[in-house]
Every structure is written in structure tokens, then in C-alpha cells.
Amino acid sequence: MTPDRDEAELIEARQLRDMARAIVRDNLTTLQVGLAARPIRQRLRDRAVNLAADGVEQAVDLARNSKTVIALTLAALAAWFARRSLLALLRRGYRYLAAQMAARHHDTGTD
């Protein structure tokens, strides 16, 4: 390579570096202006609020479209929490019916 060619490449490399530096500075200025208008904390809070609002909206839509499923789920949960009482009630009912059938069987005199 010749000294003139090396110098031309060096000049071109410096120009590219200076252009890249100017782009980075412009980007930093744009970022600083944007952050001055809306700080990161506010952006994060706004994003979280929007996501929460979207989630609530989707849940409401799902609830509107799935009333039967929700009602059955709530009934199943209620039955689960009341399972001991329900089982006791069923046992009493079974004992009562067994006693009634035994009394009828005894009254008719059949074996």
C-alpha cells in the first residue's frame, strides 16, 4: 500500500467514526429529552397499570362469555368446602332410608 492510500483510508475511517459519534450523540440527546418528559419510573408505572387494566378487561370478557363455567366452578368450590357437612347429611339420609326399609320389611313380615 502506498502512503497516500493509507492516509486516504485513515481519513475515511475518521469520517465514519465522527459520523457514528454524531449519531450516538443525537440518540443520547433524544433519550435525555424523552426521559425528561417521562422518567423511567413513570413509564414503568404506566405500563404496569395498562397491563393490569388489560388483564381485568380480559377477565371480565371471559366471565361474561363463561357464566356457566364460573357458576359450576363456584358450586364445586362450595361443595368442596362443605364436603364434611354434606357427607354427614348423606349418611343420616342413608341411615333413615335403611331404617324405613327395614321397618317396611318387618311390617310386611317378609324375609
C-alpha atoms as a PDB file:
ATOM      1  CA  MET A   1       0.000   0.000   0.000  1.00  0.00           C
ATOM      2  CA  THR A   2       1.100   3.486  -0.667  1.00  0.00           C
ATOM      3  CA  PRO A   3       1.306   6.215   1.936  1.00  0.00           C
ATOM      4  CA  ASP A   4      -1.340   8.225   0.067  1.00  0.00           C
ATOM      5  CA  ARG A   5      -3.720   5.278   0.053  1.00  0.00           C
ATOM      6  CA  ASP A   6      -3.101   4.586   3.773  1.00  0.00           C
ATOM      7  CA  GLU A   7      -3.764   8.217   4.559  1.00  0.00           C
ATOM      8  CA  ALA A   8      -6.974   8.212   2.489  1.00  0.00           C
ATOM      9  CA  GLU A   9      -8.246   5.140   4.350  1.00  0.00           C
ATOM     10  CA  LEU A  10      -7.357   6.740   7.653  1.00  0.00           C
ATOM     11  CA  ILE A  11      -9.245   9.903   6.711  1.00  0.00           C
ATOM     12  CA  GLU A  12     -12.256   7.837   5.622  1.00  0.00           C
ATOM     13  CA  ALA A  13     -12.165   5.845   8.882  1.00  0.00           C
ATOM     14  CA  ARG A  14     -12.079   9.080  10.897  1.00  0.00           C
ATOM     15  CA  GLN A  15     -15.027  10.445   8.963  1.00  0.00           C
ATOM     16  CA  LEU A  16     -17.013   7.258   9.627  1.00  0.00           C
ATOM     17  CA  ARG A  17     -16.057   7.426  13.308  1.00  0.00           C
ATOM     18  CA  ASP A  18     -17.131  11.076  13.512  1.00  0.00           C
ATOM     19  CA  MET A  19     -20.469  10.284  11.827  1.00  0.00           C
ATOM     20  CA  ALA A  20     -21.070   7.392  14.208  1.00  0.00           C
ATOM     21  CA  ARG A  21     -20.196   9.605  17.161  1.00  0.00           C
ATOM     22  CA  ALA A  22     -22.673  12.247  15.923  1.00  0.00           C
ATOM     23  CA  ILE A  23     -25.414   9.599  15.618  1.00  0.00           C
ATOM     24  CA  VAL A  24     -24.720   8.360  19.151  1.00  0.00           C
ATOM     25  CA  ARG A  25     -24.808  11.916  20.497  1.00  0.00           C
ATOM     26  CA  ASP A  26     -28.126  12.561  18.720  1.00  0.00           C
ATOM     27  CA  ASN A  27     -29.545   9.352  20.155  1.00  0.00           C
ATOM     28  CA  LEU A  28     -28.379  10.302  23.654  1.00  0.00           C
ATOM     29  CA  THR A  29     -29.950  13.741  23.306  1.00  0.00           C
ATOM     30  CA  THR A  30     -33.225  12.183  22.140  1.00  0.00           C
ATOM     31  CA  LEU A  31     -33.130   9.755  25.077  1.00  0.00           C
ATOM     32  CA  GLN A  32     -32.436  12.547  27.572  1.00  0.00           C
ATOM     33  CA  VAL A  33     -35.290  14.659  26.217  1.00  0.00           C
ATOM     34  CA  GLY A  34     -37.637  11.670  26.339  1.00  0.00           C
ATOM     35  CA  LEU A  35     -36.629  10.783  29.891  1.00  0.00           C
ATOM     36  CA  ALA A  36     -37.045  14.395  30.976  1.00  0.00           C
ATOM     37  CA  ALA A  37     -40.603  14.325  29.635  1.00  0.00           C
ATOM     38  CA  ARG A  38     -41.454  10.898  31.144  1.00  0.00           C
ATOM     39  CA  PRO A  39     -38.970   9.314  33.566  1.00  0.00           C
ATOM     40  CA  ILE A  40     -38.416   5.559  33.558  1.00  0.00           C
ATOM     41  CA  ARG A  41     -40.302   5.131  36.838  1.00  0.00           C
ATOM     42  CA  GLN A  42     -43.391   6.787  35.347  1.00  0.00           C
ATOM     43  CA  ARG A  43     -43.082   4.723  32.152  1.00  0.00           C
ATOM     44  CA  LEU A  44     -42.893   1.502  34.183  1.00  0.00           C
ATOM     45  CA  ARG A  45     -45.852   2.523  36.336  1.00  0.00           C
ATOM     46  CA  ASP A  46     -47.915   3.435  33.267  1.00  0.00           C
ATOM     47  CA  ARG A  47     -47.005   0.127  31.624  1.00  0.00           C
ATOM     48  CA  ALA A  48     -47.956  -1.841  34.744  1.00  0.00           C
ATOM     49  CA  VAL A  49     -51.278  -0.008  35.052  1.00  0.00           C
ATOM     50  CA  ASN A  50     -52.059  -0.630  31.386  1.00  0.00           C
ATOM     51  CA  LEU A  51     -51.208  -4.327  31.694  1.00  0.00           C
ATOM     52  CA  ALA A  52     -53.363  -4.650  34.817  1.00  0.00           C
ATOM     53  CA  ALA A  53     -56.262  -2.869  33.117  1.00  0.00           C
ATOM     54  CA  ASP A  54     -55.937  -5.163  30.100  1.00  0.00           C
ATOM     55  CA  GLY A  55     -55.918  -8.205  32.395  1.00  0.00           C
ATOM     56  CA  VAL A  56     -59.045  -7.058  34.216  1.00  0.00           C
ATOM     57  CA  GLU A  57     -60.765  -6.341  30.911  1.00  0.00           C
ATOM     58  CA  GLN A  58     -59.913  -9.804  29.606  1.00  0.00           C
ATOM     59  CA  ALA A  59     -61.135 -11.391  32.842  1.00  0.00           C
ATOM     60  CA  VAL A  60     -64.435  -9.506  32.606  1.00  0.00           C
ATOM     61  CA  ASP A  61     -64.866 -10.576  28.974  1.00  0.00           C
ATOM     62  CA  LEU A  62     -64.090 -14.169  29.905  1.00  0.00           C
ATOM     63  CA  ALA A  63     -66.567 -14.029  32.779  1.00  0.00           C
ATOM     64  CA  ARG A  64     -69.282 -12.646  30.523  1.00  0.00           C
ATOM     65  CA  ASN A  65     -68.711 -15.399  27.994  1.00  0.00           C
ATOM     66  CA  SER A  66     -68.343 -18.218  30.540  1.00  0.00           C
ATOM     67  CA  LYS A  67     -71.061 -17.660  33.132  1.00  0.00           C
ATOM     68  CA  THR A  68     -71.975 -21.345  33.276  1.00  0.00           C
ATOM     69  CA  VAL A  69     -68.387 -22.455  33.787  1.00  0.00           C
ATOM     70  CA  ILE A  70     -67.871 -19.884  36.526  1.00  0.00           C
ATOM     71  CA  ALA A  71     -71.127 -20.868  38.260  1.00  0.00           C
ATOM     72  CA  LEU A  72     -70.195 -24.559  38.163  1.00  0.00           C
ATOM     73  CA  THR A  73     -66.715 -23.796  39.457  1.00  0.00           C
ATOM     74  CA  LEU A  74     -68.119 -21.764  42.351  1.00  0.00           C
ATOM     75  CA  ALA A  75     -70.629 -24.542  43.120  1.00  0.00           C
ATOM     76  CA  ALA A  76     -67.828 -27.119  43.100  1.00  0.00           C
ATOM     77  CA  LEU A  77     -65.754 -24.962  45.451  1.00  0.00           C
ATOM     78  CA  ALA A  78     -68.713 -24.516  47.784  1.00  0.00           C
ATOM     79  CA  ALA A  79     -69.343 -28.276  47.759  1.00  0.00           C
ATOM     80  CA  TRP A  80     -65.678 -28.933  48.477  1.00  0.00           C
ATOM     81  CA  PHE A  81     -65.644 -26.620  51.477  1.00  0.00           C
ATOM     82  CA  ALA A  82     -68.940 -28.081  52.746  1.00  0.00           C
ATOM     83  CA  ARG A  83     -67.987 -31.704  51.956  1.00  0.00           C
ATOM     84  CA  ARG A  84     -67.929 -32.905  55.572  1.00  0.00           C
ATOM     85  CA  SER A  85     -71.371 -31.480  56.293  1.00  0.00           C
ATOM     86  CA  LEU A  86     -72.736 -32.872  53.033  1.00  0.00           C
ATOM     87  CA  LEU A  87     -71.298 -36.323  53.718  1.00  0.00           C
ATOM     88  CA  ALA A  88     -72.786 -36.301  57.230  1.00  0.00           C
ATOM     89  CA  LEU A  89     -76.146 -35.334  55.751  1.00  0.00           C
ATOM     90  CA  LEU A  90     -75.916 -38.145  53.212  1.00  0.00           C
ATOM     91  CA  ARG A  91     -75.041 -40.661  55.941  1.00  0.00           C
ATOM     92  CA  ARG A  92     -78.042 -39.582  58.021  1.00  0.00           C
ATOM     93  CA  GLY A  93     -80.282 -39.819  54.983  1.00  0.00           C
ATOM     94  CA  TYR A  94     -78.960 -43.288  54.179  1.00  0.00           C
ATOM     95  CA  ARG A  95     -79.500 -44.461  57.760  1.00  0.00           C
ATOM     96  CA  TYR A  96     -83.018 -43.032  57.713  1.00  0.00           C
ATOM     97  CA  LEU A  97     -83.859 -44.766  54.429  1.00  0.00           C
ATOM     98  CA  ALA A  98     -82.329 -48.033  55.647  1.00  0.00           C
ATOM     99  CA  ALA A  99     -84.399 -47.832  58.812  1.00  0.00           C
ATOM    100  CA  GLN A 100     -87.565 -47.111  56.788  1.00  0.00           C
ATOM    101  CA  MET A 101     -86.898 -50.071  54.503  1.00  0.00           C
ATOM    102  CA  ALA A 102     -86.204 -52.330  57.487  1.00  0.00           C
ATOM    103  CA  ALA A 103     -89.441 -51.197  59.150  1.00  0.00           C
ATOM    104  CA  ARG A 104     -91.441 -51.922  55.987  1.00  0.00           C
ATOM    105  CA  HIS A 105     -89.743 -55.250  55.626  1.00  0.00           C
ATOM    106  CA  HIS A 106     -90.558 -56.053  59.269  1.00  0.00           C
ATOM    107  CA  ASP A 107     -94.184 -54.812  58.944  1.00  0.00           C
ATOM    108  CA  THR A 108     -94.883 -56.948  55.888  1.00  0.00           C
ATOM    109  CA  GLY A 109     -93.343 -59.959  57.549  1.00  0.00           C
ATOM    110  CA  THR A 110     -91.233 -60.872  54.571  1.00  0.00           C
ATOM    111  CA  ASP A 111     -87.717 -62.156  54.912  1.00  0.00           C
END
